[in-house]
Amino acid sequence: MNEGDWSAIVVLHTWEMRKPQADAKAFVDRARNTHKIVVLSTSGAGDFKMEGVDAISSASRVEDVPSRVAEITRKVDAILDARADH
């Protein structure tokens, strides 16, 4: 995927063995503009998240989906609004 083709990017991944999912971490690590990336990390307790990016940490519970969707939407809207101001 060419990061430059997108104004905002949402990465959803899970933690595996106390580490972020390898391909999600590799994508974030090679990104040139991490300010347009929002990462949702799910884990058992919901307390792990990637460093260096706008990250949301969540437990893997269905009842949390509406609030996480709202949080992601707010963050993406903020990214798009900031780009529109330039």
PDB file of N, CA and C in Angstrom:
ATOM      1  N   MET A   1       0.833  -1.168   0.000  1.00  0.00           N
ATOM      2  CA  MET A   1       0.000   0.000   0.000  1.00  0.00           C
ATOM      3  C   MET A   1       0.882   1.237   0.000  1.00  0.00           C
ATOM      4  N   ASN A   2       0.517   2.202  -0.792  1.00  0.00           N
ATOM      5  CA  ASN A   2       1.263   3.443  -0.841  1.00  0.00           C
ATOM      6  C   ASN A   2       0.630   4.431   0.139  1.00  0.00           C
ATOM      7  N   GLU A   3       1.309   4.693   1.205  1.00  0.00           N
ATOM      8  CA  GLU A   3       0.819   5.600   2.244  1.00  0.00           C
ATOM      9  C   GLU A   3       0.448   6.976   1.689  1.00  0.00           C
ATOM     10  N   GLY A   4       1.179   7.448   0.696  1.00  0.00           N
ATOM     11  CA  GLY A   4       0.940   8.756   0.112  1.00  0.00           C
ATOM     12  C   GLY A   4      -0.395   8.892  -0.600  1.00  0.00           C
ATOM     13  N   ASP A   5      -1.038   7.773  -0.901  1.00  0.00           N
ATOM     14  CA  ASP A   5      -2.337   7.790  -1.578  1.00  0.00           C
ATOM     15  C   ASP A   5      -3.496   8.093  -0.632  1.00  0.00           C
ATOM     16  N   TRP A   6      -3.223   8.172   0.664  1.00  0.00           N
ATOM     17  CA  TRP A   6      -4.291   8.285   1.660  1.00  0.00           C
ATOM     18  C   TRP A   6      -4.089   9.507   2.552  1.00  0.00           C
ATOM     19  N   SER A   7      -5.195  10.137   2.923  1.00  0.00           N
ATOM     20  CA  SER A   7      -5.152  11.290   3.837  1.00  0.00           C
ATOM     21  C   SER A   7      -5.140  10.850   5.297  1.00  0.00           C
ATOM     22  N   ALA A   8      -5.758   9.708   5.569  1.00  0.00           N
ATOM     23  CA  ALA A   8      -5.786   9.141   6.918  1.00  0.00           C
ATOM     24  C   ALA A   8      -5.784   7.624   6.784  1.00  0.00           C
ATOM     25  N   ILE A   9      -5.138   6.972   7.726  1.00  0.00           N
ATOM     26  CA  ILE A   9      -5.034   5.508   7.699  1.00  0.00           C
ATOM     27  C   ILE A   9      -5.376   4.986   9.089  1.00  0.00           C
ATOM     28  N   VAL A  10      -6.228   3.965   9.139  1.00  0.00           N
ATOM     29  CA  VAL A  10      -6.560   3.297  10.394  1.00  0.00           C
ATOM     30  C   VAL A  10      -5.990   1.885  10.322  1.00  0.00           C
ATOM     31  N   VAL A  11      -5.206   1.526  11.331  1.00  0.00           N
ATOM     32  CA  VAL A  11      -4.623   0.189  11.427  1.00  0.00           C
ATOM     33  C   VAL A  11      -5.260  -0.501  12.632  1.00  0.00           C
ATOM     34  N   LEU A  12      -5.882  -1.638  12.393  1.00  0.00           N
ATOM     35  CA  LEU A  12      -6.474  -2.449  13.458  1.00  0.00           C
ATOM     36  C   LEU A  12      -5.616  -3.697  13.603  1.00  0.00           C
ATOM     37  N   HIS A  13      -5.205  -3.996  14.812  1.00  0.00           N
ATOM     38  CA  HIS A  13      -4.389  -5.196  15.017  1.00  0.00           C
ATOM     39  C   HIS A  13      -4.546  -5.698  16.444  1.00  0.00           C
ATOM     40  N   THR A  14      -4.033  -6.875  16.671  1.00  0.00           N
ATOM     41  CA  THR A  14      -4.063  -7.477  17.991  1.00  0.00           C
ATOM     42  C   THR A  14      -2.635  -7.689  18.491  1.00  0.00           C
ATOM     43  N   TRP A  15      -2.501  -7.790  19.783  1.00  0.00           N
ATOM     44  CA  TRP A  15      -1.194  -8.104  20.372  1.00  0.00           C
ATOM     45  C   TRP A  15      -1.024  -9.605  20.397  1.00  0.00           C
ATOM     46  N   GLU A  16       0.171 -10.056  20.061  1.00  0.00           N
ATOM     47  CA  GLU A  16       0.500 -11.476  20.020  1.00  0.00           C
ATOM     48  C   GLU A  16       1.750 -11.705  20.859  1.00  0.00           C
ATOM     49  N   MET A  17       1.618 -12.468  21.904  1.00  0.00           N
ATOM     50  CA  MET A  17       2.763 -12.787  22.769  1.00  0.00           C
ATOM     51  C   MET A  17       3.438 -11.512  23.293  1.00  0.00           C
ATOM     52  N   ARG A  18       2.612 -10.568  23.759  1.00  0.00           N
ATOM     53  CA  ARG A  18       3.077  -9.305  24.343  1.00  0.00           C
ATOM     54  C   ARG A  18       3.783  -8.382  23.356  1.00  0.00           C
ATOM     55  N   LYS A  19       3.518  -8.581  22.056  1.00  0.00           N
ATOM     56  CA  LYS A  19       4.099  -7.740  21.003  1.00  0.00           C
ATOM     57  C   LYS A  19       3.003  -7.370  20.015  1.00  0.00           C
ATOM     58  N   PRO A  20       3.153  -6.210  19.343  1.00  0.00           N
ATOM     59  CA  PRO A  20       2.172  -5.883  18.313  1.00  0.00           C
ATOM     60  C   PRO A  20       2.282  -6.852  17.142  1.00  0.00           C
ATOM     61  N   GLN A  21       1.173  -7.058  16.459  1.00  0.00           N
ATOM     62  CA  GLN A  21       1.156  -7.912  15.281  1.00  0.00           C
ATOM     63  C   GLN A  21       2.271  -7.455  14.336  1.00  0.00           C
ATOM     64  N   ALA A  22       3.082  -8.378  13.870  1.00  0.00           N
ATOM     65  CA  ALA A  22       4.316  -8.055  13.127  1.00  0.00           C
ATOM     66  C   ALA A  22       4.071  -7.208  11.888  1.00  0.00           C
ATOM     67  N   ASP A  23       3.088  -7.545  11.069  1.00  0.00           N
ATOM     68  CA  ASP A  23       2.881  -6.774   9.840  1.00  0.00           C
ATOM     69  C   ASP A  23       2.325  -5.385  10.127  1.00  0.00           C
ATOM     70  N   ALA A  24       1.521  -5.236  11.162  1.00  0.00           N
ATOM     71  CA  ALA A  24       1.019  -3.909  11.547  1.00  0.00           C
ATOM     72  C   ALA A  24       2.176  -3.040  12.041  1.00  0.00           C
ATOM     73  N   LYS A  25       3.033  -3.600  12.864  1.00  0.00           N
ATOM     74  CA  LYS A  25       4.193  -2.871  13.384  1.00  0.00           C
ATOM     75  C   LYS A  25       5.131  -2.479  12.244  1.00  0.00           C
ATOM     76  N   ALA A  26       5.365  -3.386  11.309  1.00  0.00           N
ATOM     77  CA  ALA A  26       6.245  -3.088  10.167  1.00  0.00           C
ATOM     78  C   ALA A  26       5.674  -1.943   9.334  1.00  0.00           C
ATOM     79  N   PHE A  27       4.361  -1.929   9.128  1.00  0.00           N
ATOM     80  CA  PHE A  27       3.741  -0.843   8.364  1.00  0.00           C
ATOM     81  C   PHE A  27       3.949   0.490   9.067  1.00  0.00           C
ATOM     82  N   VAL A  28       3.674   0.541  10.358  1.00  0.00           N
ATOM     83  CA  VAL A  28       3.822   1.781  11.123  1.00  0.00           C
ATOM     84  C   VAL A  28       5.289   2.222  11.133  1.00  0.00           C
ATOM     85  N   ASP A  29       6.198   1.277  11.287  1.00  0.00           N
ATOM     86  CA  ASP A  29       7.629   1.618  11.328  1.00  0.00           C
ATOM     87  C   ASP A  29       8.128   2.218  10.020  1.00  0.00           C
ATOM     88  N   ARG A  30       7.585   1.792   8.885  1.00  0.00           N
ATOM     89  CA  ARG A  30       8.066   2.321   7.608  1.00  0.00           C
ATOM     90  C   ARG A  30       7.280   3.546   7.137  1.00  0.00           C
ATOM     91  N   ALA A  31       6.235   3.921   7.857  1.00  0.00           N
ATOM     92  CA  ALA A  31       5.417   5.079   7.460  1.00  0.00           C
ATOM     93  C   ALA A  31       6.232   6.363   7.561  1.00  0.00           C
ATOM     94  N   ARG A  32       6.094   7.200   6.560  1.00  0.00           N
ATOM     95  CA  ARG A  32       6.799   8.487   6.551  1.00  0.00           C
ATOM     96  C   ARG A  32       6.073   9.531   7.388  1.00  0.00           C
ATOM     97  N   ASN A  33       4.744   9.449   7.435  1.00  0.00           N
ATOM     98  CA  ASN A  33       3.955  10.442   8.151  1.00  0.00           C
ATOM     99  C   ASN A  33       3.039   9.735   9.138  1.00  0.00           C
ATOM    100  N   THR A  34       3.533   9.498  10.321  1.00  0.00           N
ATOM    101  CA  THR A  34       2.729   8.791  11.325  1.00  0.00           C
ATOM    102  C   THR A  34       1.609   9.657  11.887  1.00  0.00           C
ATOM    103  N   HIS A  35       1.610  10.954  11.581  1.00  0.00           N
ATOM    104  CA  HIS A  35       0.543  11.831  12.075  1.00  0.00           C
ATOM    105  C   HIS A  35      -0.799  11.538  11.420  1.00  0.00           C
ATOM    106  N   LYS A  36      -0.797  10.825  10.307  1.00  0.00           N
ATOM    107  CA  LYS A  36      -2.067  10.508   9.667  1.00  0.00           C
ATOM    108  C   LYS A  36      -2.502   9.065   9.928  1.00  0.00           C
ATOM    109  N   ILE A  37      -1.834   8.402  10.870  1.00  0.00           N
ATOM    110  CA  ILE A  37      -2.162   7.019  11.202  1.00  0.00           C
ATOM    111  C   ILE A  37      -2.802   6.950  12.586  1.00  0.00           C
ATOM    112  N   VAL A  38      -3.919   6.231  12.659  1.00  0.00           N
ATOM    113  CA  VAL A  38      -4.570   5.922  13.932  1.00  0.00           C
ATOM    114  C   VAL A  38      -4.504   4.411  14.082  1.00  0.00           C
ATOM    115  N   VAL A  39      -4.032   3.937  15.225  1.00  0.00           N
ATOM    116  CA  VAL A  39      -3.868   2.506  15.452  1.00  0.00           C
ATOM    117  C   VAL A  39      -4.783   2.063  16.585  1.00  0.00           C
ATOM    118  N   LEU A  40      -5.582   1.029  16.334  1.00  0.00           N
ATOM    119  CA  LEU A  40      -6.370   0.393  17.387  1.00  0.00           C
ATOM    120  C   LEU A  40      -5.713  -0.936  17.704  1.00  0.00           C
ATOM    121  N   SER A  41      -5.236  -1.072  18.938  1.00  0.00           N
ATOM    122  CA  SER A  41      -4.578  -2.290  19.385  1.00  0.00           C
ATOM    123  C   SER A  41      -5.496  -3.007  20.357  1.00  0.00           C
ATOM    124  N   THR A  42      -5.799  -4.271  20.074  1.00  0.00           N
ATOM    125  CA  THR A  42      -6.598  -5.048  21.014  1.00  0.00           C
ATOM    126  C   THR A  42      -5.695  -6.043  21.724  1.00  0.00           C
ATOM    127  N   SER A  43      -5.989  -6.235  22.979  1.00  0.00           N
ATOM    128  CA  SER A  43      -5.262  -7.223  23.781  1.00  0.00           C
ATOM    129  C   SER A  43      -6.214  -7.719  24.863  1.00  0.00           C
ATOM    130  N   GLY A  44      -5.825  -8.770  25.544  1.00  0.00           N
ATOM    131  CA  GLY A  44      -6.689  -9.350  26.569  1.00  0.00           C
ATOM    132  C   GLY A  44      -7.181  -8.334  27.576  1.00  0.00           C
ATOM    133  N   ALA A  45      -6.270  -7.623  28.195  1.00  0.00           N
ATOM    134  CA  ALA A  45      -6.638  -6.635  29.208  1.00  0.00           C
ATOM    135  C   ALA A  45      -6.910  -5.261  28.601  1.00  0.00           C
ATOM    136  N   GLY A  46      -6.475  -5.050  27.372  1.00  0.00           N
ATOM    137  CA  GLY A  46      -6.713  -3.784  26.699  1.00  0.00           C
ATOM    138  C   GLY A  46      -5.781  -2.668  27.111  1.00  0.00           C
ATOM    139  N   ASP A  47      -4.575  -3.008  27.554  1.00  0.00           N
ATOM    140  CA  ASP A  47      -3.671  -1.960  28.023  1.00  0.00           C
ATOM    141  C   ASP A  47      -2.364  -1.837  27.228  1.00  0.00           C
ATOM    142  N   PHE A  48      -2.248  -2.542  26.115  1.00  0.00           N
ATOM    143  CA  PHE A  48      -1.061  -2.439  25.272  1.00  0.00           C
ATOM    144  C   PHE A  48      -1.365  -1.562  24.070  1.00  0.00           C
ATOM    145  N   LYS A  49      -0.400  -0.722  23.646  1.00  0.00           N
ATOM    146  CA  LYS A  49      -0.549   0.047  22.421  1.00  0.00           C
ATOM    147  C   LYS A  49       0.825   0.386  21.866  1.00  0.00           C
ATOM    148  N   MET A  50       0.873   0.635  20.548  1.00  0.00           N
ATOM    149  CA  MET A  50       2.128   0.993  19.891  1.00  0.00           C
ATOM    150  C   MET A  50       2.556   2.386  20.311  1.00  0.00           C
ATOM    151  N   GLU A  51       3.839   2.556  20.474  1.00  0.00           N
ATOM    152  CA  GLU A  51       4.409   3.858  20.798  1.00  0.00           C
ATOM    153  C   GLU A  51       4.669   4.643  19.517  1.00  0.00           C
ATOM    154  N   GLY A  52       4.639   5.946  19.605  1.00  0.00           N
ATOM    155  CA  GLY A  52       5.016   6.801  18.495  1.00  0.00           C
ATOM    156  C   GLY A  52       3.922   7.104  17.492  1.00  0.00           C
ATOM    157  N   VAL A  53       2.717   6.600  17.724  1.00  0.00           N
ATOM    158  CA  VAL A  53       1.580   6.885  16.849  1.00  0.00           C
ATOM    159  C   VAL A  53       0.363   7.171  17.713  1.00  0.00           C
ATOM    160  N   ASP A  54      -0.669   7.741  17.092  1.00  0.00           N
ATOM    161  CA  ASP A  54      -1.920   7.981  17.793  1.00  0.00           C
ATOM    162  C   ASP A  54      -2.596   6.631  17.975  1.00  0.00           C
ATOM    163  N   ALA A  55      -2.493   6.077  19.159  1.00  0.00           N
ATOM    164  CA  ALA A  55      -2.950   4.709  19.383  1.00  0.00           C
ATOM    165  C   ALA A  55      -4.087   4.653  20.393  1.00  0.00           C
ATOM    166  N   ILE A  56      -4.983   3.728  20.150  1.00  0.00           N
ATOM    167  CA  ILE A  56      -6.094   3.435  21.044  1.00  0.00           C
ATOM    168  C   ILE A  56      -5.888   2.008  21.515  1.00  0.00           C
ATOM    169  N   SER A  57      -6.023   1.797  22.794  1.00  0.00           N
ATOM    170  CA  SER A  57      -5.869   0.468  23.355  1.00  0.00           C
ATOM    171  C   SER A  57      -7.238  -0.024  23.795  1.00  0.00           C
ATOM    172  N   SER A  58      -7.521  -1.286  23.530  1.00  0.00           N
ATOM    173  CA  SER A  58      -8.837  -1.819  23.852  1.00  0.00           C
ATOM    174  C   SER A  58      -8.752  -3.302  24.159  1.00  0.00           C
ATOM    175  N   ALA A  59      -9.596  -3.737  25.079  1.00  0.00           N
ATOM    176  CA  ALA A  59      -9.762  -5.168  25.290  1.00  0.00           C
ATOM    177  C   ALA A  59     -10.576  -5.705  24.116  1.00  0.00           C
ATOM    178  N   SER A  60     -10.529  -6.987  23.896  1.00  0.00           N
ATOM    179  CA  SER A  60     -11.260  -7.610  22.791  1.00  0.00           C
ATOM    180  C   SER A  60     -12.674  -7.946  23.239  1.00  0.00           C
ATOM    181  N   ARG A  61     -13.500  -6.906  23.412  1.00  0.00           N
ATOM    182  CA  ARG A  61     -14.881  -7.114  23.865  1.00  0.00           C
ATOM    183  C   ARG A  61     -15.847  -6.446  22.892  1.00  0.00           C
ATOM    184  N   VAL A  62     -16.846  -7.201  22.472  1.00  0.00           N
ATOM    185  CA  VAL A  62     -17.830  -6.704  21.517  1.00  0.00           C
ATOM    186  C   VAL A  62     -18.553  -5.473  22.051  1.00  0.00           C
ATOM    187  N   GLU A  63     -18.844  -5.431  23.321  1.00  0.00           N
ATOM    188  CA  GLU A  63     -19.584  -4.291  23.882  1.00  0.00           C
ATOM    189  C   GLU A  63     -18.801  -2.980  23.802  1.00  0.00           C
ATOM    190  N   ASP A  64     -17.494  -3.042  23.580  1.00  0.00           N
ATOM    191  CA  ASP A  64     -16.667  -1.835  23.441  1.00  0.00           C
ATOM    192  C   ASP A  64     -16.647  -1.266  22.021  1.00  0.00           C
ATOM    193  N   VAL A  65     -17.165  -2.020  21.060  1.00  0.00           N
ATOM    194  CA  VAL A  65     -17.070  -1.621  19.654  1.00  0.00           C
ATOM    195  C   VAL A  65     -17.656  -0.231  19.393  1.00  0.00           C
ATOM    196  N   PRO A  66     -18.883   0.084  19.840  1.00  0.00           N
ATOM    197  CA  PRO A  66     -19.420   1.415  19.523  1.00  0.00           C
ATOM    198  C   PRO A  66     -18.550   2.568  20.033  1.00  0.00           C
ATOM    199  N   SER A  67     -18.023   2.459  21.230  1.00  0.00           N
ATOM    200  CA  SER A  67     -17.193   3.553  21.753  1.00  0.00           C
ATOM    201  C   SER A  67     -15.850   3.624  21.040  1.00  0.00           C
ATOM    202  N   ARG A  68     -15.283   2.491  20.645  1.00  0.00           N
ATOM    203  CA  ARG A  68     -14.021   2.512  19.895  1.00  0.00           C
ATOM    204  C   ARG A  68     -14.234   3.084  18.496  1.00  0.00           C
ATOM    205  N   VAL A  69     -15.349   2.745  17.858  1.00  0.00           N
ATOM    206  CA  VAL A  69     -15.656   3.302  16.534  1.00  0.00           C
ATOM    207  C   VAL A  69     -15.787   4.816  16.632  1.00  0.00           C
ATOM    208  N   ALA A  70     -16.472   5.303  17.662  1.00  0.00           N
ATOM    209  CA  ALA A  70     -16.627   6.752  17.850  1.00  0.00           C
ATOM    210  C   ALA A  70     -15.272   7.416  18.072  1.00  0.00           C
ATOM    211  N   GLU A  71     -14.405   6.781  18.847  1.00  0.00           N
ATOM    212  CA  GLU A  71     -13.080   7.339  19.114  1.00  0.00           C
ATOM    213  C   GLU A  71     -12.233   7.386  17.839  1.00  0.00           C
ATOM    214  N   ILE A  72     -12.261   6.317  17.063  1.00  0.00           N
ATOM    215  CA  ILE A  72     -11.520   6.288  15.798  1.00  0.00           C
ATOM    216  C   ILE A  72     -12.058   7.365  14.854  1.00  0.00           C
ATOM    217  N   THR A  73     -13.372   7.491  14.781  1.00  0.00           N
ATOM    218  CA  THR A  73     -13.991   8.483  13.904  1.00  0.00           C
ATOM    219  C   THR A  73     -13.563   9.894  14.286  1.00  0.00           C
ATOM    220  N   ARG A  74     -13.541  10.199  15.578  1.00  0.00           N
ATOM    221  CA  ARG A  74     -13.093  11.525  16.035  1.00  0.00           C
ATOM    222  C   ARG A  74     -11.648  11.782  15.616  1.00  0.00           C
ATOM    223  N   LYS A  75     -10.800  10.791  15.784  1.00  0.00           N
ATOM    224  CA  LYS A  75      -9.388  10.962  15.440  1.00  0.00           C
ATOM    225  C   LYS A  75      -9.186  11.134  13.935  1.00  0.00           C
ATOM    226  N   VAL A  76      -9.889  10.353  13.131  1.00  0.00           N
ATOM    227  CA  VAL A  76      -9.782  10.487  11.679  1.00  0.00           C
ATOM    228  C   VAL A  76     -10.326  11.841  11.235  1.00  0.00           C
ATOM    229  N   ASP A  77     -11.450  12.252  11.795  1.00  0.00           N
ATOM    230  CA  ASP A  77     -11.997  13.574  11.465  1.00  0.00           C
ATOM    231  C   ASP A  77     -10.996  14.680  11.784  1.00  0.00           C
ATOM    232  N   ALA A  78     -10.300  14.571  12.907  1.00  0.00           N
ATOM    233  CA  ALA A  78      -9.303  15.581  13.279  1.00  0.00           C
ATOM    234  C   ALA A  78      -8.152  15.609  12.279  1.00  0.00           C
ATOM    235  N   ILE A  79      -7.722  14.443  11.819  1.00  0.00           N
ATOM    236  CA  ILE A  79      -6.649  14.374  10.817  1.00  0.00           C
ATOM    237  C   ILE A  79      -7.108  15.041   9.526  1.00  0.00           C
ATOM    238  N   LEU A  80      -8.313  14.713   9.085  1.00  0.00           N
ATOM    239  CA  LEU A  80      -8.828  15.268   7.831  1.00  0.00           C
ATOM    240  C   LEU A  80      -9.066  16.770   7.945  1.00  0.00           C
ATOM    241  N   ASP A  81      -9.566  17.217   9.078  1.00  0.00           N
ATOM    242  CA  ASP A  81      -9.763  18.663   9.298  1.00  0.00           C
ATOM    243  C   ASP A  81      -8.434  19.405   9.256  1.00  0.00           C
ATOM    244  N   ALA A  82      -7.398  18.839   9.868  1.00  0.00           N
ATOM    245  CA  ALA A  82      -6.080  19.479   9.876  1.00  0.00           C
ATOM    246  C   ALA A  82      -5.517  19.570   8.467  1.00  0.00           C
ATOM    247  N   ARG A  83      -5.730  18.548   7.660  1.00  0.00           N
ATOM    248  CA  ARG A  83      -5.243  18.571   6.267  1.00  0.00           C
ATOM    249  C   ARG A  83      -6.007  19.601   5.445  1.00  0.00           C
ATOM    250  N   ALA A  84      -7.296  19.757   5.714  1.00  0.00           N
ATOM    251  CA  ALA A  84      -8.113  20.721   4.979  1.00  0.00           C
ATOM    252  C   ALA A  84      -7.686  22.162   5.268  1.00  0.00           C
ATOM    253  N   ASP A  85      -7.119  22.384   6.457  1.00  0.00           N
ATOM    254  CA  ASP A  85      -6.666  23.717   6.843  1.00  0.00           C
ATOM    255  C   ASP A  85      -5.393  24.140   6.121  1.00  0.00           C
ATOM    256  N   HIS A  86      -4.689  23.194   5.516  1.00  0.00           N
ATOM    257  CA  HIS A  86      -3.417  23.512   4.841  1.00  0.00           C
ATOM    258  C   HIS A  86      -3.611  23.888   3.417  1.00  0.00           C
TER     259      HIS A  86
END
